[in-house]
Amino acid sequence: WVCEHRWRQISPSPTGGTTAATRWRSAEAIK
């Protein structure tokens, strides 16, 4: 099993790597 969702770069945070706050903070860096 590959389990990409467990890759550190995809779900890096024990408090929620895919939460809304993380997405929007990262969005500023992307911009």
PDB file of all heavy atoms in Angstrom:
ATOM      1  N   TRP A   1       0.845  -1.199   0.000  1.00  0.00           N
ATOM      2  CA  TRP A   1       0.000   0.000   0.000  1.00  0.00           C
ATOM      3  C   TRP A   1       0.880   1.249   0.000  1.00  0.00           C
ATOM      4  O   TRP A   1       1.838   1.349   0.764  1.00  0.00           O
ATOM      5  CB  TRP A   1      -0.927  -0.003   1.209  1.00  0.00           C
ATOM      6  CG  TRP A   1      -1.837  -1.189   1.198  1.00  0.00           C
ATOM      7  CD1 TRP A   1      -1.633  -2.389   1.820  1.00  0.00           C
ATOM      8  CD2 TRP A   1      -3.073  -1.311   0.489  1.00  0.00           C
ATOM      9  NE1 TRP A   1      -2.679  -3.251   1.552  1.00  0.00           N
ATOM     10  CE2 TRP A   1      -3.580  -2.622   0.735  1.00  0.00           C
ATOM     11  CE3 TRP A   1      -3.811  -0.448  -0.323  1.00  0.00           C
ATOM     12  CZ2 TRP A   1      -4.773  -3.076   0.197  1.00  0.00           C
ATOM     13  CZ3 TRP A   1      -5.010  -0.892  -0.861  1.00  0.00           C
ATOM     14  CH2 TRP A   1      -5.477  -2.197  -0.599  1.00  0.00           C
ATOM     15  N   VAL A   2       0.525   2.238  -0.825  1.00  0.00           N
ATOM     16  CA  VAL A   2       1.335   3.448  -0.964  1.00  0.00           C
ATOM     17  C   VAL A   2       1.006   4.477   0.115  1.00  0.00           C
ATOM     18  O   VAL A   2       1.894   5.061   0.727  1.00  0.00           O
ATOM     19  CB  VAL A   2       1.149   4.075  -2.363  1.00  0.00           C
ATOM     20  CG1 VAL A   2       1.978   5.357  -2.492  1.00  0.00           C
ATOM     21  CG2 VAL A   2       1.541   3.088  -3.450  1.00  0.00           C
ATOM     22  N   CYS A   3      -0.284   4.728   0.332  1.00  0.00           N
ATOM     23  CA  CYS A   3      -0.730   5.651   1.383  1.00  0.00           C
ATOM     24  C   CYS A   3      -0.126   7.045   1.257  1.00  0.00           C
ATOM     25  O   CYS A   3       0.487   7.579   2.193  1.00  0.00           O
ATOM     26  CB  CYS A   3      -0.440   5.086   2.768  1.00  0.00           C
ATOM     27  SG  CYS A   3      -1.314   3.558   3.164  1.00  0.00           S
ATOM     28  N   GLU A   4      -0.329   7.690   0.104  1.00  0.00           N
ATOM     29  CA  GLU A   4       0.178   9.041  -0.087  1.00  0.00           C
ATOM     30  C   GLU A   4      -0.319  10.000   0.985  1.00  0.00           C
ATOM     31  O   GLU A   4       0.372  10.966   1.333  1.00  0.00           O
ATOM     32  CB  GLU A   4      -0.239   9.593  -1.458  1.00  0.00           C
ATOM     33  CG  GLU A   4       0.289   8.814  -2.642  1.00  0.00           C
ATOM     34  CD  GLU A   4      -0.710   7.812  -3.171  1.00  0.00           C
ATOM     35  OE1 GLU A   4      -1.295   7.073  -2.344  1.00  0.00           O
ATOM     36  OE2 GLU A   4      -0.914   7.763  -4.397  1.00  0.00           O
ATOM     37  N   HIS A   5      -1.515   9.758   1.504  1.00  0.00           N
ATOM     38  CA  HIS A   5      -2.082  10.672   2.497  1.00  0.00           C
ATOM     39  C   HIS A   5      -1.272  10.681   3.794  1.00  0.00           C
ATOM     40  O   HIS A   5      -1.413  11.600   4.606  1.00  0.00           O
ATOM     41  CB  HIS A   5      -3.538  10.300   2.797  1.00  0.00           C
ATOM     42  CG  HIS A   5      -3.701   8.991   3.523  1.00  0.00           C
ATOM     43  ND1 HIS A   5      -3.559   7.772   2.899  1.00  0.00           N
ATOM     44  CD2 HIS A   5      -3.997   8.719   4.821  1.00  0.00           C
ATOM     45  CE1 HIS A   5      -3.766   6.801   3.774  1.00  0.00           C
ATOM     46  NE2 HIS A   5      -4.025   7.351   4.950  1.00  0.00           N
ATOM     47  N   ARG A   6      -0.421   9.675   3.987  1.00  0.00           N
ATOM     48  CA  ARG A   6       0.425   9.615   5.173  1.00  0.00           C
ATOM     49  C   ARG A   6       1.819  10.195   4.928  1.00  0.00           C
ATOM     50  O   ARG A   6       2.615  10.268   5.869  1.00  0.00           O
ATOM     51  CB  ARG A   6       0.556   8.171   5.660  1.00  0.00           C
ATOM     52  CG  ARG A   6      -0.624   7.673   6.486  1.00  0.00           C
ATOM     53  CD  ARG A   6      -0.436   6.207   6.842  1.00  0.00           C
ATOM     54  NE  ARG A   6      -1.388   5.785   7.871  1.00  0.00           N
ATOM     55  CZ  ARG A   6      -1.126   5.705   9.176  1.00  0.00           C
ATOM     56  NH1 ARG A   6       0.085   6.020   9.605  1.00  0.00           N
ATOM     57  NH2 ARG A   6      -2.048   5.321  10.032  1.00  0.00           N
ATOM     58  N   TRP A   7       2.116  10.570   3.694  1.00  0.00           N
ATOM     59  CA  TRP A   7       3.425  11.162   3.430  1.00  0.00           C
ATOM     60  C   TRP A   7       3.561  12.469   4.200  1.00  0.00           C
ATOM     61  O   TRP A   7       2.624  13.279   4.247  1.00  0.00           O
ATOM     62  CB  TRP A   7       3.608  11.413   1.944  1.00  0.00           C
ATOM     63  CG  TRP A   7       3.764  10.168   1.112  1.00  0.00           C
ATOM     64  CD1 TRP A   7       3.742   8.879   1.556  1.00  0.00           C
ATOM     65  CD2 TRP A   7       3.947  10.106  -0.299  1.00  0.00           C
ATOM     66  NE1 TRP A   7       3.910   8.012   0.502  1.00  0.00           N
ATOM     67  CE2 TRP A   7       4.036   8.741  -0.651  1.00  0.00           C
ATOM     68  CE3 TRP A   7       4.043  11.068  -1.305  1.00  0.00           C
ATOM     69  CZ2 TRP A   7       4.219   8.322  -1.965  1.00  0.00           C
ATOM     70  CZ3 TRP A   7       4.228  10.656  -2.613  1.00  0.00           C
ATOM     71  CH2 TRP A   7       4.320   9.292  -2.942  1.00  0.00           C
ATOM     72  N   ARG A   8       4.716  12.674   4.804  1.00  0.00           N
ATOM     73  CA  ARG A   8       4.936  13.825   5.692  1.00  0.00           C
ATOM     74  C   ARG A   8       4.633  15.145   5.000  1.00  0.00           C
ATOM     75  O   ARG A   8       4.063  16.056   5.595  1.00  0.00           O
ATOM     76  CB  ARG A   8       6.391  13.806   6.192  1.00  0.00           C
ATOM     77  CG  ARG A   8       6.778  14.981   7.065  1.00  0.00           C
ATOM     78  CD  ARG A   8       8.218  14.832   7.548  1.00  0.00           C
ATOM     79  NE  ARG A   8       9.135  14.652   6.434  1.00  0.00           N
ATOM     80  CZ  ARG A   8       9.636  15.668   5.722  1.00  0.00           C
ATOM     81  NH1 ARG A   8       9.291  16.913   5.997  1.00  0.00           N
ATOM     82  NH2 ARG A   8      10.482  15.434   4.739  1.00  0.00           N
ATOM     83  N   GLN A   9       4.992  15.245   3.719  1.00  0.00           N
ATOM     84  CA  GLN A   9       4.794  16.505   3.002  1.00  0.00           C
ATOM     85  C   GLN A   9       3.324  16.766   2.676  1.00  0.00           C
ATOM     86  O   GLN A   9       2.939  17.891   2.355  1.00  0.00           O
ATOM     87  CB  GLN A   9       5.606  16.504   1.708  1.00  0.00           C
ATOM     88  CG  GLN A   9       7.102  16.422   1.917  1.00  0.00           C
ATOM     89  CD  GLN A   9       7.599  14.987   2.065  1.00  0.00           C
ATOM     90  OE1 GLN A   9       6.811  14.052   2.207  1.00  0.00           O
ATOM     91  NE2 GLN A   9       8.909  14.818   2.026  1.00  0.00           N
ATOM     92  N   ILE A  10       2.493  15.714   2.727  1.00  0.00           N
ATOM     93  CA  ILE A  10       1.074  15.864   2.409  1.00  0.00           C
ATOM     94  C   ILE A  10       0.245  16.048   3.679  1.00  0.00           C
ATOM     95  O   ILE A  10      -0.691  16.833   3.714  1.00  0.00           O
ATOM     96  CB  ILE A  10       0.596  14.660   1.584  1.00  0.00           C
ATOM     97  CG1 ILE A  10       1.223  14.722   0.177  1.00  0.00           C
ATOM     98  CG2 ILE A  10      -0.938  14.604   1.499  1.00  0.00           C
ATOM     99  CD1 ILE A  10       0.913  13.542  -0.711  1.00  0.00           C
ATOM    100  N   SER A  11       0.604  15.350   4.736  1.00  0.00           N
ATOM    101  CA  SER A  11      -0.091  15.531   6.011  1.00  0.00           C
ATOM    102  C   SER A  11       0.958  15.722   7.102  1.00  0.00           C
ATOM    103  O   SER A  11       1.233  14.815   7.875  1.00  0.00           O
ATOM    104  CB  SER A  11      -0.975  14.321   6.315  1.00  0.00           C
ATOM    105  OG  SER A  11      -1.710  14.519   7.493  1.00  0.00           O
ATOM    106  N   PRO A  12       1.571  16.899   7.153  1.00  0.00           N
ATOM    107  CA  PRO A  12       2.755  17.082   7.985  1.00  0.00           C
ATOM    108  C   PRO A  12       2.503  17.406   9.447  1.00  0.00           C
ATOM    109  O   PRO A  12       3.420  17.356  10.247  1.00  0.00           O
ATOM    110  CB  PRO A  12       3.447  18.266   7.313  1.00  0.00           C
ATOM    111  CG  PRO A  12       2.317  19.083   6.782  1.00  0.00           C
ATOM    112  CD  PRO A  12       1.270  18.087   6.356  1.00  0.00           C
ATOM    113  N   SER A  13       1.277  17.774   9.792  1.00  0.00           N
ATOM    114  CA  SER A  13       1.053  18.324  11.122  1.00  0.00           C
ATOM    115  C   SER A  13       0.213  17.399  11.985  1.00  0.00           C
ATOM    116  O   SER A  13      -0.858  16.962  11.579  1.00  0.00           O
ATOM    117  CB  SER A  13       0.338  19.676  11.017  1.00  0.00           C
ATOM    118  OG  SER A  13      -0.104  20.098  12.282  1.00  0.00           O
ATOM    119  N   PRO A  14       0.646  17.065  13.194  1.00  0.00           N
ATOM    120  CA  PRO A  14      -0.156  16.235  14.086  1.00  0.00           C
ATOM    121  C   PRO A  14      -1.445  16.916  14.521  1.00  0.00           C
ATOM    122  O   PRO A  14      -2.342  16.270  15.036  1.00  0.00           O
ATOM    123  CB  PRO A  14       0.780  15.996  15.287  1.00  0.00           C
ATOM    124  CG  PRO A  14       1.712  17.165  15.275  1.00  0.00           C
ATOM    125  CD  PRO A  14       1.909  17.481  13.815  1.00  0.00           C
ATOM    126  N   THR A  15      -1.538  18.216  14.295  1.00  0.00           N
ATOM    127  CA  THR A  15      -2.763  18.932  14.644  1.00  0.00           C
ATOM    128  C   THR A  15      -3.643  19.176  13.429  1.00  0.00           C
ATOM    129  O   THR A  15      -4.619  19.900  13.513  1.00  0.00           O
ATOM    130  CB  THR A  15      -2.422  20.285  15.294  1.00  0.00           C
ATOM    131  OG1 THR A  15      -1.622  21.055  14.386  1.00  0.00           O
ATOM    132  CG2 THR A  15      -1.666  20.082  16.588  1.00  0.00           C
ATOM    133  N   GLY A  16      -3.285  18.563  12.309  1.00  0.00           N
ATOM    134  CA  GLY A  16      -4.164  18.686  11.157  1.00  0.00           C
ATOM    135  C   GLY A  16      -3.522  19.341   9.967  1.00  0.00           C
ATOM    136  O   GLY A  16      -3.707  20.529   9.733  1.00  0.00           O
ATOM    137  N   GLY A  17      -2.749  18.576   9.178  1.00  0.00           N
ATOM    138  CA  GLY A  17      -2.070  19.135   8.024  1.00  0.00           C
ATOM    139  C   GLY A  17      -2.999  19.584   6.930  1.00  0.00           C
ATOM    140  O   GLY A  17      -2.613  20.322   6.038  1.00  0.00           O
ATOM    141  N   THR A  18      -4.262  19.166   6.956  1.00  0.00           N
ATOM    142  CA  THR A  18      -5.189  19.552   5.901  1.00  0.00           C
ATOM    143  C   THR A  18      -6.323  20.417   6.423  1.00  0.00           C
ATOM    144  O   THR A  18      -7.356  20.525   5.807  1.00  0.00           O
ATOM    145  CB  THR A  18      -5.778  18.301   5.237  1.00  0.00           C
ATOM    146  OG1 THR A  18      -6.420  17.488   6.238  1.00  0.00           O
ATOM    147  CG2 THR A  18      -4.708  17.486   4.548  1.00  0.00           C
ATOM    148  N   THR A  19      -6.147  21.025   7.597  1.00  0.00           N
ATOM    149  CA  THR A  19      -7.210  21.865   8.131  1.00  0.00           C
ATOM    150  C   THR A  19      -7.300  23.181   7.381  1.00  0.00           C
ATOM    151  O   THR A  19      -6.383  23.572   6.679  1.00  0.00           O
ATOM    152  CB  THR A  19      -6.974  22.172   9.625  1.00  0.00           C
ATOM    153  OG1 THR A  19      -5.744  22.871   9.747  1.00  0.00           O
ATOM    154  CG2 THR A  19      -6.950  20.909  10.452  1.00  0.00           C
ATOM    155  N   ALA A  20      -8.416  23.851   7.547  1.00  0.00           N
ATOM    156  CA  ALA A  20      -8.641  25.107   6.835  1.00  0.00           C
ATOM    157  C   ALA A  20      -7.554  26.134   7.151  1.00  0.00           C
ATOM    158  O   ALA A  20      -7.043  26.821   6.271  1.00  0.00           O
ATOM    159  CB  ALA A  20     -10.014  25.668   7.201  1.00  0.00           C
ATOM    160  N   ALA A  21      -7.187  26.241   8.425  1.00  0.00           N
ATOM    161  CA  ALA A  21      -6.185  27.235   8.805  1.00  0.00           C
ATOM    162  C   ALA A  21      -4.866  26.969   8.093  1.00  0.00           C
ATOM    163  O   ALA A  21      -4.204  27.891   7.600  1.00  0.00           O
ATOM    164  CB  ALA A  21      -5.980  27.211  10.319  1.00  0.00           C
ATOM    165  N   THR A  22      -4.452  25.712   8.053  1.00  0.00           N
ATOM    166  CA  THR A  22      -3.200  25.370   7.395  1.00  0.00           C
ATOM    167  C   THR A  22      -3.276  25.681   5.917  1.00  0.00           C
ATOM    168  O   THR A  22      -2.328  26.191   5.318  1.00  0.00           O
ATOM    169  CB  THR A  22      -2.877  23.880   7.615  1.00  0.00           C
ATOM    170  OG1 THR A  22      -2.822  23.627   9.014  1.00  0.00           O
ATOM    171  CG2 THR A  22      -1.535  23.519   6.995  1.00  0.00           C
ATOM    172  N   ARG A  23      -4.416  25.368   5.282  1.00  0.00           N
ATOM    173  CA  ARG A  23      -4.567  25.646   3.856  1.00  0.00           C
ATOM    174  C   ARG A  23      -4.417  27.132   3.566  1.00  0.00           C
ATOM    175  O   ARG A  23      -3.697  27.537   2.661  1.00  0.00           O
ATOM    176  CB  ARG A  23      -5.930  25.175   3.353  1.00  0.00           C
ATOM    177  CG  ARG A  23      -6.005  23.701   2.999  1.00  0.00           C
ATOM    178  CD  ARG A  23      -7.349  23.370   2.395  1.00  0.00           C
ATOM    179  NE  ARG A  23      -7.474  23.874   1.041  1.00  0.00           N
ATOM    180  CZ  ARG A  23      -8.609  23.903   0.356  1.00  0.00           C
ATOM    181  NH1 ARG A  23      -9.717  23.491   0.917  1.00  0.00           N
ATOM    182  NH2 ARG A  23      -8.649  24.349  -0.878  1.00  0.00           N
ATOM    183  N   TRP A  24      -5.077  27.951   4.353  1.00  0.00           N
ATOM    184  CA  TRP A  24      -5.057  29.383   4.058  1.00  0.00           C
ATOM    185  C   TRP A  24      -3.708  30.005   4.391  1.00  0.00           C
ATOM    186  O   TRP A  24      -3.230  30.881   3.681  1.00  0.00           O
ATOM    187  CB  TRP A  24      -6.177  30.087   4.821  1.00  0.00           C
ATOM    188  CG  TRP A  24      -7.492  29.862   4.163  1.00  0.00           C
ATOM    189  CD1 TRP A  24      -8.394  28.888   4.437  1.00  0.00           C
ATOM    190  CD2 TRP A  24      -8.037  30.608   3.069  1.00  0.00           C
ATOM    191  NE1 TRP A  24      -9.467  28.975   3.595  1.00  0.00           N
ATOM    192  CE2 TRP A  24      -9.287  30.027   2.749  1.00  0.00           C
ATOM    193  CE3 TRP A  24      -7.599  31.708   2.347  1.00  0.00           C
ATOM    194  CZ2 TRP A  24     -10.096  30.506   1.741  1.00  0.00           C
ATOM    195  CZ3 TRP A  24      -8.404  32.192   1.335  1.00  0.00           C
ATOM    196  CH2 TRP A  24      -9.644  31.593   1.033  1.00  0.00           C
ATOM    197  N   ARG A  25      -3.047  29.545   5.448  1.00  0.00           N
ATOM    198  CA  ARG A  25      -1.699  30.053   5.740  1.00  0.00           C
ATOM    199  C   ARG A  25      -0.757  29.700   4.602  1.00  0.00           C
ATOM    200  O   ARG A  25       0.045  30.512   4.163  1.00  0.00           O
ATOM    201  CB  ARG A  25      -1.180  29.451   7.063  1.00  0.00           C
ATOM    202  CG  ARG A  25      -1.744  30.095   8.307  1.00  0.00           C
ATOM    203  CD  ARG A  25      -0.857  29.796   9.505  1.00  0.00           C
ATOM    204  NE  ARG A  25      -0.666  28.365   9.695  1.00  0.00           N
ATOM    205  CZ  ARG A  25      -1.462  27.607  10.424  1.00  0.00           C
ATOM    206  NH1 ARG A  25      -2.518  28.133  11.007  1.00  0.00           N
ATOM    207  NH2 ARG A  25      -1.209  26.336  10.572  1.00  0.00           N
ATOM    208  N   SER A  26      -0.853  28.452   4.122  1.00  0.00           N
ATOM    209  CA  SER A  26       0.008  28.020   3.033  1.00  0.00           C
ATOM    210  C   SER A  26      -0.318  28.771   1.752  1.00  0.00           C
ATOM    211  O   SER A  26       0.553  29.008   0.924  1.00  0.00           O
ATOM    212  CB  SER A  26      -0.148  26.515   2.806  1.00  0.00           C
ATOM    213  OG  SER A  26       0.205  25.806   3.962  1.00  0.00           O
ATOM    214  N   ALA A  27      -1.577  29.157   1.594  1.00  0.00           N
ATOM    215  CA  ALA A  27      -1.981  29.874   0.386  1.00  0.00           C
ATOM    216  C   ALA A  27      -1.229  31.192   0.260  1.00  0.00           C
ATOM    217  O   ALA A  27      -0.853  31.603  -0.832  1.00  0.00           O
ATOM    218  CB  ALA A  27      -3.493  30.127   0.407  1.00  0.00           C
ATOM    219  N   GLU A  28      -0.996  31.855   1.390  1.00  0.00           N
ATOM    220  CA  GLU A  28      -0.259  33.110   1.336  1.00  0.00           C
ATOM    221  C   GLU A  28       1.168  32.883   0.843  1.00  0.00           C
ATOM    222  O   GLU A  28       1.717  33.680   0.078  1.00  0.00           O
ATOM    223  CB  GLU A  28      -0.249  33.761   2.723  1.00  0.00           C
ATOM    224  CG  GLU A  28      -1.637  34.198   3.196  1.00  0.00           C
ATOM    225  CD  GLU A  28      -2.318  35.101   2.178  1.00  0.00           C
ATOM    226  OE1 GLU A  28      -1.677  36.059   1.706  1.00  0.00           O
ATOM    227  OE2 GLU A  28      -3.481  34.836   1.848  1.00  0.00           O
ATOM    228  N   ALA A  29       1.781  31.782   1.286  1.00  0.00           N
ATOM    229  CA  ALA A  29       3.138  31.465   0.832  1.00  0.00           C
ATOM    230  C   ALA A  29       3.149  31.142  -0.654  1.00  0.00           C
ATOM    231  O   ALA A  29       4.065  31.528  -1.384  1.00  0.00           O
ATOM    232  CB  ALA A  29       3.685  30.292   1.638  1.00  0.00           C
ATOM    233  N   ILE A  30       2.102  30.429  -1.118  1.00  0.00           N
ATOM    234  CA  ILE A  30       2.007  30.092  -2.537  1.00  0.00           C
ATOM    235  C   ILE A  30       1.903  31.363  -3.375  1.00  0.00           C
ATOM    236  O   ILE A  30       2.556  31.520  -4.396  1.00  0.00           O
ATOM    237  CB  ILE A  30       0.798  29.184  -2.797  1.00  0.00           C
ATOM    238  CG1 ILE A  30       1.043  27.790  -2.188  1.00  0.00           C
ATOM    239  CG2 ILE A  30       0.492  29.061  -4.278  1.00  0.00           C
ATOM    240  CD1 ILE A  30       2.106  26.984  -2.899  1.00  0.00           C
ATOM    241  N   LYS A  31       1.056  32.289  -2.928  1.00  0.00           N
ATOM    242  CA  LYS A  31       0.886  33.538  -3.669  1.00  0.00           C
ATOM    243  C   LYS A  31       2.203  34.302  -3.752  1.00  0.00           C
ATOM    244  O   LYS A  31       2.559  34.871  -4.785  1.00  0.00           O
ATOM    245  CB  LYS A  31      -0.190  34.397  -3.011  1.00  0.00           C
ATOM    246  CG  LYS A  31      -1.595  33.835  -3.156  1.00  0.00           C
ATOM    247  CD  LYS A  31      -2.585  34.668  -2.375  1.00  0.00           C
ATOM    248  CE  LYS A  31      -3.986  34.083  -2.433  1.00  0.00           C
ATOM    249  NZ  LYS A  31      -4.929  34.847  -1.592  1.00  0.00           N
TER     250      LYS A  31
END
